[in-house]
Amino acid sequence: MRSRSLPLAALALASTLATVACSPAAPPPPPPPPAWPHYEPGATPAKAPDPEPIAYAHEGRTYDDALAIPEDINAVASEPELSDATLGGPLNDPALLASCGVVESTIVVVKVAVRGGKALGVTVATSPPSAALSSCLDKAVRQLTWPSSGRRFSFKTRF
């Protein structure tokens, strides 16, 4: 009896070893997710997209209307260039936003086309959308002045 159970035990052991040896290895666990939020050194955090402008009472041309006006490049070639700092300077006055009651949580995007020291076209978008706030800021931007140049310049500022 012993002789029969020994081959049977050996066969069971061999079968078990073959099954273990031929089985695929378990896949490694996935890497842990990065700490949230994850910023790379020196990277700027993502910001919300610019709000879309809504209909409001413009005091004059819109930004897009002003850009659609043809400009004779040869006629303005000798006119002075205005730097980005010069163009954005008048909008950097905190009183501009305060005069219309802009709260800190409001996103404001102002697009301005400038020629001859004045706003040629303005479009304002806010988030949350507010026609009254956009209209107030539109009027306030049109009252600002820039150094005079016969060239048309355009820029966008986000607050």
C-alpha atoms as a PDB file:
ATOM      1  CA  MET A   1       0.000   0.000   0.000  1.00  0.00           C
ATOM      2  CA  ARG A   2       2.806   2.207   0.718  1.00  0.00           C
ATOM      3  CA  SER A   3       4.144   1.851  -2.776  1.00  0.00           C
ATOM      4  CA  ARG A   4       0.883   2.989  -4.330  1.00  0.00           C
ATOM      5  CA  SER A   5       0.473   6.083  -2.139  1.00  0.00           C
ATOM      6  CA  LEU A   6       4.053   7.261  -2.701  1.00  0.00           C
ATOM      7  CA  PRO A   7       3.698   7.618  -6.488  1.00  0.00           C
ATOM      8  CA  LEU A   8       0.299   9.225  -5.983  1.00  0.00           C
ATOM      9  CA  ALA A   9       1.742  11.752  -3.511  1.00  0.00           C
ATOM     10  CA  ALA A  10       4.652  12.464  -5.845  1.00  0.00           C
ATOM     11  CA  LEU A  11       2.243  12.986  -8.727  1.00  0.00           C
ATOM     12  CA  ALA A  12       0.134  15.442  -6.653  1.00  0.00           C
ATOM     13  CA  LEU A  13       3.259  17.359  -5.616  1.00  0.00           C
ATOM     14  CA  ALA A  14       4.539  17.550  -9.192  1.00  0.00           C
ATOM     15  CA  SER A  15       1.145  18.732 -10.430  1.00  0.00           C
ATOM     16  CA  THR A  16       1.001  21.468  -7.782  1.00  0.00           C
ATOM     17  CA  LEU A  17       4.546  22.658  -8.579  1.00  0.00           C
ATOM     18  CA  ALA A  18       3.781  22.762 -12.314  1.00  0.00           C
ATOM     19  CA  THR A  19       0.639  24.796 -11.725  1.00  0.00           C
ATOM     20  CA  VAL A  20       2.480  27.313  -9.525  1.00  0.00           C
ATOM     21  CA  ALA A  21       5.483  27.540 -11.859  1.00  0.00           C
ATOM     22  CA  CYS A  22       3.349  28.050 -15.004  1.00  0.00           C
ATOM     23  CA  SER A  23       0.936  30.585 -13.519  1.00  0.00           C
ATOM     24  CA  PRO A  24       1.577  34.185 -14.611  1.00  0.00           C
ATOM     25  CA  ALA A  25       2.899  36.502 -11.931  1.00  0.00           C
ATOM     26  CA  ALA A  26       0.409  38.924 -10.430  1.00  0.00           C
ATOM     27  CA  PRO A  27       0.716  42.413 -11.985  1.00  0.00           C
ATOM     28  CA  PRO A  28       2.434  45.006  -9.803  1.00  0.00           C
ATOM     29  CA  PRO A  29       0.123  47.408  -8.003  1.00  0.00           C
ATOM     30  CA  PRO A  30      -0.465  50.753  -9.758  1.00  0.00           C
ATOM     31  CA  PRO A  31       1.641  53.688  -8.562  1.00  0.00           C
ATOM     32  CA  PRO A  32      -0.011  55.920  -5.992  1.00  0.00           C
ATOM     33  CA  PRO A  33      -1.680  59.052  -7.391  1.00  0.00           C
ATOM     34  CA  PRO A  34       0.219  62.316  -6.958  1.00  0.00           C
ATOM     35  CA  ALA A  35      -0.623  64.532  -4.028  1.00  0.00           C
ATOM     36  CA  TRP A  36      -3.489  66.884  -4.929  1.00  0.00           C
ATOM     37  CA  PRO A  37      -3.152  69.560  -6.123  1.00  0.00           C
ATOM     38  CA  HIS A  38       0.065  68.691  -7.939  1.00  0.00           C
ATOM     39  CA  TYR A  39       2.149  71.574  -9.207  1.00  0.00           C
ATOM     40  CA  GLU A  40       5.510  71.334 -10.856  1.00  0.00           C
ATOM     41  CA  PRO A  41       8.088  73.741  -9.430  1.00  0.00           C
ATOM     42  CA  GLY A  42       7.915  77.008 -11.310  1.00  0.00           C
ATOM     43  CA  ALA A  43       4.637  76.095 -13.028  1.00  0.00           C
ATOM     44  CA  THR A  44       1.711  78.487 -12.973  1.00  0.00           C
ATOM     45  CA  PRO A  45      -1.528  76.942 -11.694  1.00  0.00           C
ATOM     46  CA  ALA A  46      -4.235  76.585 -14.330  1.00  0.00           C
ATOM     47  CA  LYS A  47      -6.769  79.393 -14.344  1.00  0.00           C
ATOM     48  CA  ALA A  48     -10.374  79.391 -15.381  1.00  0.00           C
ATOM     49  CA  PRO A  49     -11.008  80.187 -19.040  1.00  0.00           C
ATOM     50  CA  ASP A  50     -11.918  83.753 -19.926  1.00  0.00           C
ATOM     51  CA  PRO A  51     -15.626  84.473 -19.608  1.00  0.00           C
ATOM     52  CA  GLU A  52     -17.614  85.119 -22.777  1.00  0.00           C
ATOM     53  CA  PRO A  53     -18.994  88.649 -23.186  1.00  0.00           C
ATOM     54  CA  ILE A  54     -22.753  89.051 -22.863  1.00  0.00           C
ATOM     55  CA  ALA A  55     -24.942  91.734 -24.403  1.00  0.00           C
ATOM     56  CA  TYR A  56     -24.638  95.058 -22.618  1.00  0.00           C
ATOM     57  CA  ALA A  57     -24.956  98.759 -23.458  1.00  0.00           C
ATOM     58  CA  HIS A  58     -21.708  99.824 -25.163  1.00  0.00           C
ATOM     59  CA  GLU A  59     -20.790 103.505 -25.082  1.00  0.00           C
ATOM     60  CA  GLY A  60     -19.217 103.205 -28.537  1.00  0.00           C
ATOM     61  CA  ARG A  61     -17.622 100.609 -30.826  1.00  0.00           C
ATOM     62  CA  THR A  62     -16.912  97.104 -29.574  1.00  0.00           C
ATOM     63  CA  TYR A  63     -13.366  95.761 -29.582  1.00  0.00           C
ATOM     64  CA  ASP A  64     -14.100  93.576 -32.643  1.00  0.00           C
ATOM     65  CA  ASP A  65     -15.745  96.484 -34.507  1.00  0.00           C
ATOM     66  CA  ALA A  66     -12.667  98.643 -33.884  1.00  0.00           C
ATOM     67  CA  LEU A  67     -10.345  95.924 -35.198  1.00  0.00           C
ATOM     68  CA  ALA A  68     -12.475  95.625 -38.344  1.00  0.00           C
ATOM     69  CA  ILE A  69     -11.705  99.242 -39.353  1.00  0.00           C
ATOM     70  CA  PRO A  70      -9.038  99.169 -42.081  1.00  0.00           C
ATOM     71  CA  GLU A  71      -5.767 100.848 -41.194  1.00  0.00           C
ATOM     72  CA  ASP A  72      -3.360 102.233 -43.778  1.00  0.00           C
ATOM     73  CA  ILE A  73      -0.044 100.806 -42.611  1.00  0.00           C
ATOM     74  CA  ASN A  74       1.987 103.204 -44.779  1.00  0.00           C
ATOM     75  CA  ALA A  75       0.224 106.252 -43.325  1.00  0.00           C
ATOM     76  CA  VAL A  76       1.000 105.267 -39.727  1.00  0.00           C
ATOM     77  CA  ALA A  77       4.523 103.847 -40.238  1.00  0.00           C
ATOM     78  CA  SER A  78       6.164 106.868 -38.621  1.00  0.00           C
ATOM     79  CA  GLU A  79       3.779 106.918 -35.636  1.00  0.00           C
ATOM     80  CA  PRO A  80       5.217 105.895 -32.248  1.00  0.00           C
ATOM     81  CA  GLU A  81       4.910 102.335 -30.901  1.00  0.00           C
ATOM     82  CA  LEU A  82       3.279 101.857 -27.510  1.00  0.00           C
ATOM     83  CA  SER A  83       4.693  99.152 -25.227  1.00  0.00           C
ATOM     84  CA  ASP A  84       2.557  96.573 -23.435  1.00  0.00           C
ATOM     85  CA  ALA A  85       3.269  98.332 -20.136  1.00  0.00           C
ATOM     86  CA  THR A  86       2.135 101.653 -21.595  1.00  0.00           C
ATOM     87  CA  LEU A  87      -1.056 100.144 -22.996  1.00  0.00           C
ATOM     88  CA  GLY A  88      -1.975  98.276 -19.809  1.00  0.00           C
ATOM     89  CA  GLY A  89      -0.918 101.067 -17.454  1.00  0.00           C
ATOM     90  CA  PRO A  90      -4.186 103.035 -17.284  1.00  0.00           C
ATOM     91  CA  LEU A  91      -6.113  99.851 -16.449  1.00  0.00           C
ATOM     92  CA  ASN A  92      -3.861  99.032 -13.495  1.00  0.00           C
ATOM     93  CA  ASP A  93      -5.470 101.690 -11.313  1.00  0.00           C
ATOM     94  CA  PRO A  94      -7.450  99.839  -8.580  1.00  0.00           C
ATOM     95  CA  ALA A  95      -9.945 102.722  -8.559  1.00  0.00           C
ATOM     96  CA  LEU A  96     -11.153 101.620 -12.013  1.00  0.00           C
ATOM     97  CA  LEU A  97     -12.604  98.344 -10.723  1.00  0.00           C
ATOM     98  CA  ALA A  98     -13.699  99.844  -7.414  1.00  0.00           C
ATOM     99  CA  SER A  99     -15.662 102.603  -9.171  1.00  0.00           C
ATOM    100  CA  CYS A 100     -17.976  99.947 -10.626  1.00  0.00           C
ATOM    101  CA  GLY A 101     -18.192  97.860  -7.451  1.00  0.00           C
ATOM    102  CA  VAL A 102     -16.210  94.856  -8.704  1.00  0.00           C
ATOM    103  CA  VAL A 103     -15.783  92.316  -5.904  1.00  0.00           C
ATOM    104  CA  GLU A 104     -12.643  90.192  -5.565  1.00  0.00           C
ATOM    105  CA  SER A 105     -14.360  86.958  -6.636  1.00  0.00           C
ATOM    106  CA  THR A 106     -15.436  88.447  -9.999  1.00  0.00           C
ATOM    107  CA  ILE A 107     -13.355  87.647 -13.071  1.00  0.00           C
ATOM    108  CA  VAL A 108     -13.123  90.617 -15.431  1.00  0.00           C
ATOM    109  CA  VAL A 109     -11.663  90.527 -18.955  1.00  0.00           C
ATOM    110  CA  VAL A 110     -11.275  93.835 -20.788  1.00  0.00           C
ATOM    111  CA  LYS A 111     -10.352  94.016 -24.484  1.00  0.00           C
ATOM    112  CA  VAL A 112      -9.380  97.450 -25.736  1.00  0.00           C
ATOM    113  CA  ALA A 113      -8.387  98.910 -29.104  1.00  0.00           C
ATOM    114  CA  VAL A 114      -6.582 102.257 -28.742  1.00  0.00           C
ATOM    115  CA  ARG A 115      -5.785 105.002 -31.266  1.00  0.00           C
ATOM    116  CA  GLY A 116      -5.060 108.688 -30.829  1.00  0.00           C
ATOM    117  CA  GLY A 117      -4.768 108.356 -27.051  1.00  0.00           C
ATOM    118  CA  LYS A 118      -8.351 107.143 -26.607  1.00  0.00           C
ATOM    119  CA  ALA A 119     -10.222 103.844 -26.575  1.00  0.00           C
ATOM    120  CA  LEU A 120     -11.397 103.140 -30.112  1.00  0.00           C
ATOM    121  CA  GLY A 121     -13.288  99.981 -29.117  1.00  0.00           C
ATOM    122  CA  VAL A 122     -13.994  98.211 -25.827  1.00  0.00           C
ATOM    123  CA  THR A 123     -15.518  94.863 -24.882  1.00  0.00           C
ATOM    124  CA  VAL A 124     -15.882  93.705 -21.272  1.00  0.00           C
ATOM    125  CA  ALA A 125     -16.730  90.202 -20.045  1.00  0.00           C
ATOM    126  CA  THR A 126     -17.367  89.236 -16.425  1.00  0.00           C
ATOM    127  CA  SER A 127     -17.880  86.029 -14.518  1.00  0.00           C
ATOM    128  CA  PRO A 128     -20.439  85.775 -13.131  1.00  0.00           C
ATOM    129  CA  PRO A 129     -22.024  87.533 -16.117  1.00  0.00           C
ATOM    130  CA  SER A 130     -23.377  91.000 -15.369  1.00  0.00           C
ATOM    131  CA  ALA A 131     -24.578  93.413 -18.048  1.00  0.00           C
ATOM    132  CA  ALA A 132     -24.645  96.288 -15.541  1.00  0.00           C
ATOM    133  CA  LEU A 133     -21.063  95.675 -14.409  1.00  0.00           C
ATOM    134  CA  SER A 134     -19.815  95.225 -18.000  1.00  0.00           C
ATOM    135  CA  SER A 135     -21.527  98.462 -19.056  1.00  0.00           C
ATOM    136  CA  CYS A 136     -20.063 100.394 -16.114  1.00  0.00           C
ATOM    137  CA  LEU A 137     -16.532  99.150 -16.837  1.00  0.00           C
ATOM    138  CA  ASP A 138     -16.963  99.839 -20.569  1.00  0.00           C
ATOM    139  CA  LYS A 139     -17.813 103.473 -19.787  1.00  0.00           C
ATOM    140  CA  ALA A 140     -14.941 103.801 -17.279  1.00  0.00           C
ATOM    141  CA  VAL A 141     -12.356 102.405 -19.746  1.00  0.00           C
ATOM    142  CA  ARG A 142     -13.512 104.818 -22.457  1.00  0.00           C
ATOM    143  CA  GLN A 143     -12.722 107.734 -20.140  1.00  0.00           C
ATOM    144  CA  LEU A 144      -9.066 106.670 -19.771  1.00  0.00           C
ATOM    145  CA  THR A 145      -6.271 108.178 -21.867  1.00  0.00           C
ATOM    146  CA  TRP A 146      -3.088 106.771 -23.397  1.00  0.00           C
ATOM    147  CA  PRO A 147      -0.105 108.436 -25.077  1.00  0.00           C
ATOM    148  CA  SER A 148      -1.205 109.593 -28.520  1.00  0.00           C
ATOM    149  CA  SER A 149      -0.323 107.564 -31.599  1.00  0.00           C
ATOM    150  CA  GLY A 150      -1.986 107.336 -34.987  1.00  0.00           C
ATOM    151  CA  ARG A 151      -1.441 103.572 -34.930  1.00  0.00           C
ATOM    152  CA  ARG A 152      -4.137 101.271 -33.640  1.00  0.00           C
ATOM    153  CA  PHE A 153      -3.080  99.051 -30.765  1.00  0.00           C
ATOM    154  CA  SER A 154      -5.108  96.310 -29.147  1.00  0.00           C
ATOM    155  CA  PHE A 155      -4.710  94.400 -25.907  1.00  0.00           C
ATOM    156  CA  LYS A 156      -6.557  92.237 -23.403  1.00  0.00           C
ATOM    157  CA  THR A 157      -6.341  92.487 -19.614  1.00  0.00           C
ATOM    158  CA  ARG A 158      -7.720  90.012 -17.072  1.00  0.00           C
ATOM    159  CA  PHE A 159      -8.477  90.851 -13.450  1.00  0.00           C
END
